[in-house]
Amino acid sequence: GHLAWGLYELGAHVTCTDTPFGDLESLRKRVEGWLVEEKKAGGTGNGGSIRVVELTWGSEAWSESPLSKGGEELLYDSIILAEVFSIPE
C-alpha cells in the first residue's frame, strides 16, 4: 500500500490489488484512512486517484477481475508488482 500511496501523491491514478489469500480488507481500510487524513490536512493527491480491488492470477480469474472490466477509460501506462510471490496450485 505504501508504494501505491506514494505514486498517488505524485498524481498517478493507482489501483491497489491483493489476492483473496491476502488481507484485502485491511488494505482497503488503510487506504481509506490515508484519504481521510489527507482530506483533513487539505491535500488533494495532486490530481491522482486510488482504488483497491481483488486480483486473482490466471486466465479464468482475469475475466472476473475488476481490472479486466475497465474499458477504454481505464488504461494502464505501467504496472508495478511489489511483494509478489507464487502459490503453486
Protein backbone atom coordinates (compact mmCIF):
# COMPACT_ATOMS: atom_id res chain seq x y z
CA GLY A 1 0.00 0.00 0.00
CA HIS A 2 2.82 2.44 0.74
CA LEU A 3 4.21 2.36 -2.80
CA ALA A 4 0.72 2.86 -4.24
CA TRP A 5 0.08 5.77 -1.88
CA GLY A 6 3.36 7.42 -2.84
CA LEU A 7 2.51 7.16 -6.53
CA TYR A 8 -0.98 8.55 -5.82
CA GLU A 9 0.58 11.52 -4.02
CA LEU A 10 2.65 12.19 -7.14
CA GLY A 11 -0.56 12.42 -9.20
CA ALA A 12 -0.82 8.87 -10.59
CA HIS A 13 -4.09 7.00 -11.00
CA VAL A 14 -3.41 3.91 -8.90
CA THR A 15 -5.16 0.57 -8.49
CA CYS A 16 -4.01 -1.37 -5.41
CA THR A 17 -4.58 -5.11 -5.51
CA ASP A 18 -4.32 -8.07 -3.23
CA THR A 19 -5.25 -11.70 -3.65
CA PRO A 20 -8.13 -13.39 -1.83
CA PHE A 21 -5.40 -15.04 0.27
CA GLY A 22 -4.08 -11.65 1.38
CA ASP A 23 -5.73 -9.09 3.62
CA LEU A 24 -7.70 -7.06 1.08
CA GLU A 25 -9.98 -5.51 3.69
CA SER A 26 -7.00 -4.31 5.74
CA LEU A 27 -5.50 -2.70 2.63
CA ARG A 28 -8.84 -1.05 1.81
CA LYS A 29 -9.18 0.34 5.35
CA ARG A 30 -5.58 1.61 5.34
CA VAL A 31 -6.07 3.47 2.04
CA GLU A 32 -9.42 4.89 3.20
CA GLY A 33 -7.73 6.08 6.41
CA TRP A 34 -4.96 7.79 4.46
CA LEU A 35 -7.57 9.52 2.28
CA VAL A 36 -9.35 10.81 5.40
CA GLU A 37 -6.07 12.10 6.85
CA GLU A 38 -5.19 13.75 3.54
CA LYS A 39 -8.58 15.48 3.36
CA LYS A 40 -8.24 16.77 6.93
CA ALA A 41 -4.82 18.19 6.03
CA GLY A 42 -6.23 19.88 2.93
CA GLY A 43 -4.37 17.64 0.47
CA THR A 44 -5.66 16.76 -2.98
CA GLY A 45 -3.48 13.90 -4.23
CA ASN A 46 -2.15 16.17 -6.98
CA GLY A 47 -4.94 15.08 -9.32
CA GLY A 48 -4.37 11.35 -8.86
CA SER A 49 -6.81 8.67 -7.80
CA ILE A 50 -6.52 5.46 -5.81
CA ARG A 51 -8.73 2.39 -5.51
CA VAL A 52 -8.45 -1.11 -4.04
CA VAL A 53 -9.61 -4.26 -5.87
CA GLU A 54 -9.14 -8.01 -5.55
CA LEU A 55 -6.79 -9.65 -8.02
CA THR A 56 -6.54 -13.38 -8.57
CA TRP A 57 -3.94 -14.61 -11.05
CA GLY A 58 -4.76 -16.84 -14.00
CA SER A 59 -6.72 -16.61 -17.24
CA GLU A 60 -10.00 -17.79 -15.70
CA ALA A 61 -9.75 -15.29 -12.85
CA TRP A 62 -8.87 -12.44 -15.23
CA SER A 63 -12.30 -12.47 -16.90
CA GLU A 64 -13.89 -11.90 -13.46
CA SER A 65 -11.38 -9.29 -12.35
CA PRO A 66 -12.39 -5.63 -11.94
CA LEU A 67 -9.17 -4.81 -13.80
CA SER A 68 -10.44 -6.54 -16.97
CA LYS A 69 -13.70 -4.58 -16.92
CA GLY A 70 -12.15 -1.11 -17.05
CA GLY A 71 -12.87 -0.44 -20.70
CA GLU A 72 -11.15 2.25 -22.70
CA GLU A 73 -11.37 4.81 -19.90
CA LEU A 74 -9.13 2.62 -17.73
CA LEU A 75 -5.82 2.16 -19.50
CA TYR A 76 -2.60 1.36 -17.66
CA ASP A 77 0.62 3.15 -18.57
CA SER A 78 2.57 0.93 -16.22
CA ILE A 79 2.04 -1.95 -13.82
CA ILE A 80 4.29 -2.22 -10.77
CA LEU A 81 4.48 -5.52 -8.93
CA ALA A 82 5.64 -5.40 -5.34
CA GLU A 83 5.76 -8.21 -2.82
CA VAL A 84 4.84 -10.76 -5.48
CA PHE A 85 5.06 -14.44 -4.62
CA SER A 86 3.77 -17.64 -6.18
CA ILE A 87 1.34 -20.08 -4.60
CA PRO A 88 1.55 -23.40 -6.50
CA GLU A 89 -1.84 -24.83 -7.40
